[in-house]
Amino acid sequence: MPEHQNADDRDDLFAAMDFSAAEQPTDGSDASAALDFSPAEPDETPDILAAIDSLTHTAEEDVTEVVPLFTVTNPPGTVSVSALRDGGIDRVALSGTVTRMTESQLAEEILVIASLAGQQGQAAQHEFLWENMRELGADDPDALHDLLENGMALASPEQAAETRAHVFATRYATG
């Protein structure tokens, strides 16, 4: 027989919604402590920003070194392209005067300057490898030259400078 009945001796449908405890625990434990939603005490950190900073930042000694960029700017100063040592393009910067150029002119200009910047970056890689391989005992400059320029297809710094001078002289010649 159900415990909750109304005046008409029918089951009280709302008895299922009765969440009150029928009797208090006799062992002295208080279940209301489990429902304490007060904020926890901080763990010796002065504020939340310091706590986040301690989890996300590396130590001062772990600072990474800066990656060198090799930038070429066209003589009018409208397009600058920076390349990495492997010749990959890192960024392109445009001046406000590029709005006078057509889209195809701008695209061609970016491609020409990007090619020169990439070659300049690879020339720096050539120079780096040349110096380090010489320090490691590579004594034959002809073999080293062949390896870097033919085997690895890296332009020498001299070749990169010649190409840049030729492009600037022919492309931007006035008169």
C-alpha atoms as a PDB file:
ATOM      1  CA  MET A   1       0.000   0.000   0.000  1.00  0.00           C
ATOM      2  CA  PRO A   2       1.464   3.378  -0.939  1.00  0.00           C
ATOM      3  CA  GLU A   3       2.608   5.730   1.785  1.00  0.00           C
ATOM      4  CA  HIS A   4       1.292   8.913   0.205  1.00  0.00           C
ATOM      5  CA  GLN A   5      -2.420   9.088  -0.368  1.00  0.00           C
ATOM      6  CA  ASN A   6      -4.624  12.065  -0.777  1.00  0.00           C
ATOM      7  CA  ALA A   7      -7.975  12.681   0.879  1.00  0.00           C
ATOM      8  CA  ASP A   8      -9.746  10.471  -1.677  1.00  0.00           C
ATOM      9  CA  ASP A   9      -7.523   7.498  -0.727  1.00  0.00           C
ATOM     10  CA  ARG A  10      -5.779   7.598  -4.128  1.00  0.00           C
ATOM     11  CA  ASP A  11      -2.020   7.525  -4.696  1.00  0.00           C
ATOM     12  CA  ASP A  12      -0.565  10.971  -4.538  1.00  0.00           C
ATOM     13  CA  LEU A  13       1.060  11.511  -7.964  1.00  0.00           C
ATOM     14  CA  PHE A  14       3.224  14.217  -6.522  1.00  0.00           C
ATOM     15  CA  ALA A  15       4.754  11.947  -3.902  1.00  0.00           C
ATOM     16  CA  ALA A  16       7.506  11.095  -6.381  1.00  0.00           C
ATOM     17  CA  MET A  17       8.505  14.749  -6.316  1.00  0.00           C
ATOM     18  CA  ASP A  18       9.045  14.666  -2.553  1.00  0.00           C
ATOM     19  CA  PHE A  19      12.831  14.946  -2.190  1.00  0.00           C
ATOM     20  CA  SER A  20      12.918  15.499   1.533  1.00  0.00           C
ATOM     21  CA  ALA A  21      14.671  12.884   3.612  1.00  0.00           C
ATOM     22  CA  ALA A  22      12.341  10.689   5.578  1.00  0.00           C
ATOM     23  CA  GLU A  23      14.605  10.702   8.598  1.00  0.00           C
ATOM     24  CA  GLN A  24      17.908  12.265   9.651  1.00  0.00           C
ATOM     25  CA  PRO A  25      21.039  10.064   9.742  1.00  0.00           C
ATOM     26  CA  THR A  26      21.843   8.780  13.187  1.00  0.00           C
ATOM     27  CA  ASP A  27      25.597   8.312  12.680  1.00  0.00           C
ATOM     28  CA  GLY A  28      26.300  12.045  12.983  1.00  0.00           C
ATOM     29  CA  SER A  29      27.333  12.599   9.331  1.00  0.00           C
ATOM     30  CA  ASP A  30      25.890  15.596   7.606  1.00  0.00           C
ATOM     31  CA  ALA A  31      25.203  15.161   3.882  1.00  0.00           C
ATOM     32  CA  SER A  32      24.734  18.903   3.433  1.00  0.00           C
ATOM     33  CA  ALA A  33      28.525  19.351   3.511  1.00  0.00           C
ATOM     34  CA  ALA A  34      28.701  17.605   0.122  1.00  0.00           C
ATOM     35  CA  LEU A  35      26.509  20.319  -1.297  1.00  0.00           C
ATOM     36  CA  ASP A  36      28.789  23.158  -0.209  1.00  0.00           C
ATOM     37  CA  PHE A  37      29.391  25.171  -3.380  1.00  0.00           C
ATOM     38  CA  SER A  38      31.594  27.865  -1.897  1.00  0.00           C
ATOM     39  CA  PRO A  39      34.696  28.758  -3.937  1.00  0.00           C
ATOM     40  CA  ALA A  40      37.855  26.816  -3.218  1.00  0.00           C
ATOM     41  CA  GLU A  41      40.772  28.532  -1.550  1.00  0.00           C
ATOM     42  CA  PRO A  42      43.522  29.583  -4.010  1.00  0.00           C
ATOM     43  CA  ASP A  43      46.793  27.620  -4.095  1.00  0.00           C
ATOM     44  CA  GLU A  44      49.293  30.292  -3.102  1.00  0.00           C
ATOM     45  CA  THR A  45      48.930  32.170  -6.400  1.00  0.00           C
ATOM     46  CA  PRO A  46      48.251  35.874  -6.053  1.00  0.00           C
ATOM     47  CA  ASP A  47      45.773  36.049  -8.908  1.00  0.00           C
ATOM     48  CA  ILE A  48      44.346  34.092 -11.819  1.00  0.00           C
ATOM     49  CA  LEU A  49      46.717  35.709 -14.335  1.00  0.00           C
ATOM     50  CA  ALA A  50      49.752  34.495 -12.425  1.00  0.00           C
ATOM     51  CA  ALA A  51      48.299  30.993 -12.334  1.00  0.00           C
ATOM     52  CA  ILE A  52      47.692  30.980 -16.088  1.00  0.00           C
ATOM     53  CA  ASP A  53      51.121  32.476 -16.739  1.00  0.00           C
ATOM     54  CA  SER A  54      52.819  29.761 -14.700  1.00  0.00           C
ATOM     55  CA  LEU A  55      51.118  27.094 -16.821  1.00  0.00           C
ATOM     56  CA  THR A  56      51.634  28.619 -20.261  1.00  0.00           C
ATOM     57  CA  HIS A  57      55.004  30.358 -20.319  1.00  0.00           C
ATOM     58  CA  THR A  58      58.345  28.647 -20.530  1.00  0.00           C
ATOM     59  CA  ALA A  59      61.279  29.554 -18.384  1.00  0.00           C
ATOM     60  CA  GLU A  60      63.433  32.525 -19.388  1.00  0.00           C
ATOM     61  CA  GLU A  61      66.241  30.146 -20.382  1.00  0.00           C
ATOM     62  CA  ASP A  62      64.043  28.426 -22.988  1.00  0.00           C
ATOM     63  CA  VAL A  63      63.773  31.456 -25.265  1.00  0.00           C
ATOM     64  CA  THR A  64      64.139  30.396 -28.888  1.00  0.00           C
ATOM     65  CA  GLU A  65      66.463  32.186 -31.230  1.00  0.00           C
ATOM     66  CA  VAL A  66      65.207  34.475 -33.951  1.00  0.00           C
ATOM     67  CA  VAL A  67      64.915  33.015 -37.449  1.00  0.00           C
ATOM     68  CA  PRO A  68      66.846  35.155 -39.950  1.00  0.00           C
ATOM     69  CA  LEU A  69      64.889  36.640 -42.837  1.00  0.00           C
ATOM     70  CA  PHE A  70      66.283  37.793 -46.164  1.00  0.00           C
ATOM     71  CA  THR A  71      64.339  40.720 -47.580  1.00  0.00           C
ATOM     72  CA  VAL A  72      64.391  42.164 -51.080  1.00  0.00           C
ATOM     73  CA  THR A  73      62.585  45.404 -51.913  1.00  0.00           C
ATOM     74  CA  ASN A  74      62.045  46.575 -55.473  1.00  0.00           C
ATOM     75  CA  PRO A  75      63.655  49.930 -56.418  1.00  0.00           C
ATOM     76  CA  PRO A  76      60.338  51.843 -56.408  1.00  0.00           C
ATOM     77  CA  GLY A  77      59.808  50.579 -52.836  1.00  0.00           C
ATOM     78  CA  THR A  78      56.337  49.228 -53.537  1.00  0.00           C
ATOM     79  CA  VAL A  79      56.935  45.518 -52.864  1.00  0.00           C
ATOM     80  CA  SER A  80      59.102  43.877 -50.197  1.00  0.00           C
ATOM     81  CA  VAL A  81      59.376  40.125 -49.832  1.00  0.00           C
ATOM     82  CA  SER A  82      61.083  38.320 -46.948  1.00  0.00           C
ATOM     83  CA  ALA A  83      62.305  34.768 -47.379  1.00  0.00           C
ATOM     84  CA  LEU A  84      63.642  32.135 -45.023  1.00  0.00           C
ATOM     85  CA  ARG A  85      67.045  30.507 -45.374  1.00  0.00           C
ATOM     86  CA  ASP A  86      65.538  27.614 -47.344  1.00  0.00           C
ATOM     87  CA  GLY A  87      64.105  30.037 -49.913  1.00  0.00           C
ATOM     88  CA  GLY A  88      60.532  29.776 -48.661  1.00  0.00           C
ATOM     89  CA  ILE A  89      58.584  33.020 -48.566  1.00  0.00           C
ATOM     90  CA  ASP A  90      57.765  34.268 -45.080  1.00  0.00           C
ATOM     91  CA  ARG A  91      55.954  37.527 -45.784  1.00  0.00           C
ATOM     92  CA  VAL A  92      55.092  40.081 -48.438  1.00  0.00           C
ATOM     93  CA  ALA A  93      54.780  43.777 -47.618  1.00  0.00           C
ATOM     94  CA  LEU A  94      53.129  46.253 -49.968  1.00  0.00           C
ATOM     95  CA  SER A  95      53.180  50.031 -49.923  1.00  0.00           C
ATOM     96  CA  GLY A  96      50.067  52.102 -50.432  1.00  0.00           C
ATOM     97  CA  THR A  97      51.135  53.087 -53.943  1.00  0.00           C
ATOM     98  CA  VAL A  98      50.484  49.578 -55.298  1.00  0.00           C
ATOM     99  CA  THR A  99      46.882  50.671 -55.774  1.00  0.00           C
ATOM    100  CA  ARG A 100      48.071  52.394 -58.960  1.00  0.00           C
ATOM    101  CA  MET A 101      49.123  49.036 -60.409  1.00  0.00           C
ATOM    102  CA  THR A 102      46.824  46.580 -62.123  1.00  0.00           C
ATOM    103  CA  GLU A 103      46.261  43.233 -60.489  1.00  0.00           C
ATOM    104  CA  SER A 104      48.397  41.421 -63.065  1.00  0.00           C
ATOM    105  CA  GLN A 105      51.222  43.976 -62.717  1.00  0.00           C
ATOM    106  CA  LEU A 106      51.184  43.583 -58.951  1.00  0.00           C
ATOM    107  CA  ALA A 107      51.150  39.791 -59.176  1.00  0.00           C
ATOM    108  CA  GLU A 108      54.111  39.827 -61.577  1.00  0.00           C
ATOM    109  CA  GLU A 109      56.022  42.252 -59.352  1.00  0.00           C
ATOM    110  CA  ILE A 110      55.448  40.100 -56.271  1.00  0.00           C
ATOM    111  CA  LEU A 111      56.593  36.970 -58.135  1.00  0.00           C
ATOM    112  CA  VAL A 112      59.787  38.647 -59.415  1.00  0.00           C
ATOM    113  CA  ILE A 113      60.734  40.052 -56.001  1.00  0.00           C
ATOM    114  CA  ALA A 114      59.773  36.785 -54.259  1.00  0.00           C
ATOM    115  CA  SER A 115      62.059  34.872 -56.606  1.00  0.00           C
ATOM    116  CA  LEU A 116      64.953  37.206 -55.772  1.00  0.00           C
ATOM    117  CA  ALA A 117      64.254  36.990 -52.027  1.00  0.00           C
ATOM    118  CA  GLY A 118      64.082  33.191 -52.178  1.00  0.00           C
ATOM    119  CA  GLN A 119      67.368  33.084 -54.060  1.00  0.00           C
ATOM    120  CA  GLN A 120      68.941  35.412 -51.478  1.00  0.00           C
ATOM    121  CA  GLY A 121      67.761  33.123 -48.667  1.00  0.00           C
ATOM    122  CA  GLN A 122      69.178  30.069 -50.437  1.00  0.00           C
ATOM    123  CA  ALA A 123      72.450  31.937 -51.000  1.00  0.00           C
ATOM    124  CA  ALA A 124      72.645  32.430 -47.232  1.00  0.00           C
ATOM    125  CA  GLN A 125      72.069  28.689 -46.800  1.00  0.00           C
ATOM    126  CA  HIS A 126      74.850  28.055 -49.343  1.00  0.00           C
ATOM    127  CA  GLU A 127      77.214  30.275 -47.370  1.00  0.00           C
ATOM    128  CA  PHE A 128      76.243  28.632 -44.059  1.00  0.00           C
ATOM    129  CA  LEU A 129      76.809  25.119 -45.413  1.00  0.00           C
ATOM    130  CA  TRP A 130      80.047  26.132 -47.143  1.00  0.00           C
ATOM    131  CA  GLU A 131      81.533  27.522 -43.916  1.00  0.00           C
ATOM    132  CA  ASN A 132      80.404  24.621 -41.733  1.00  0.00           C
ATOM    133  CA  MET A 133      81.534  21.932 -44.154  1.00  0.00           C
ATOM    134  CA  ARG A 134      84.943  23.600 -44.442  1.00  0.00           C
ATOM    135  CA  GLU A 135      85.202  23.602 -40.630  1.00  0.00           C
ATOM    136  CA  LEU A 136      84.318  19.896 -40.602  1.00  0.00           C
ATOM    137  CA  GLY A 137      87.197  19.110 -42.953  1.00  0.00           C
ATOM    138  CA  ALA A 138      85.854  19.360 -46.500  1.00  0.00           C
ATOM    139  CA  ASP A 139      89.107  20.454 -48.145  1.00  0.00           C
ATOM    140  CA  ASP A 140      88.199  20.279 -51.836  1.00  0.00           C
ATOM    141  CA  PRO A 141      86.514  23.578 -52.774  1.00  0.00           C
ATOM    142  CA  ASP A 142      85.614  22.317 -56.264  1.00  0.00           C
ATOM    143  CA  ALA A 143      83.799  19.269 -54.885  1.00  0.00           C
ATOM    144  CA  LEU A 144      82.055  21.411 -52.287  1.00  0.00           C
ATOM    145  CA  HIS A 145      81.081  23.942 -54.948  1.00  0.00           C
ATOM    146  CA  ASP A 146      79.687  21.135 -57.123  1.00  0.00           C
ATOM    147  CA  LEU A 147      77.731  19.641 -54.208  1.00  0.00           C
ATOM    148  CA  LEU A 148      76.123  22.910 -53.119  1.00  0.00           C
ATOM    149  CA  GLU A 149      75.404  24.461 -56.505  1.00  0.00           C
ATOM    150  CA  ASN A 150      74.723  21.431 -58.699  1.00  0.00           C
ATOM    151  CA  GLY A 151      73.743  18.718 -56.233  1.00  0.00           C
ATOM    152  CA  MET A 152      71.659  20.908 -53.924  1.00  0.00           C
ATOM    153  CA  ALA A 153      70.811  23.639 -56.472  1.00  0.00           C
ATOM    154  CA  LEU A 154      71.768  26.462 -54.102  1.00  0.00           C
ATOM    155  CA  ALA A 155      72.881  29.727 -55.664  1.00  0.00           C
ATOM    156  CA  SER A 156      76.096  31.154 -54.318  1.00  0.00           C
ATOM    157  CA  PRO A 157      75.939  34.610 -52.732  1.00  0.00           C
ATOM    158  CA  GLU A 158      77.763  35.942 -55.800  1.00  0.00           C
ATOM    159  CA  GLN A 159      75.216  34.381 -58.176  1.00  0.00           C
ATOM    160  CA  ALA A 160      72.325  35.798 -56.146  1.00  0.00           C
ATOM    161  CA  ALA A 161      73.879  39.282 -56.210  1.00  0.00           C
ATOM    162  CA  GLU A 162      74.470  39.051 -59.980  1.00  0.00           C
ATOM    163  CA  THR A 163      70.888  37.933 -60.633  1.00  0.00           C
ATOM    164  CA  ARG A 164      69.504  40.716 -58.477  1.00  0.00           C
ATOM    165  CA  ALA A 165      71.650  43.348 -60.202  1.00  0.00           C
ATOM    166  CA  HIS A 166      70.636  42.045 -63.644  1.00  0.00           C
ATOM    167  CA  VAL A 167      66.905  42.025 -62.822  1.00  0.00           C
ATOM    168  CA  PHE A 168      67.022  45.490 -61.289  1.00  0.00           C
ATOM    169  CA  ALA A 169      69.025  46.896 -64.228  1.00  0.00           C
ATOM    170  CA  THR A 170      66.752  45.457 -66.910  1.00  0.00           C
ATOM    171  CA  ARG A 171      63.380  45.703 -65.200  1.00  0.00           C
ATOM    172  CA  TYR A 172      63.712  49.127 -63.614  1.00  0.00           C
ATOM    173  CA  ALA A 173      65.939  50.915 -66.128  1.00  0.00           C
ATOM    174  CA  THR A 174      64.764  54.459 -66.726  1.00  0.00           C
ATOM    175  CA  GLY A 175      65.023  56.033 -70.110  1.00  0.00           C
END
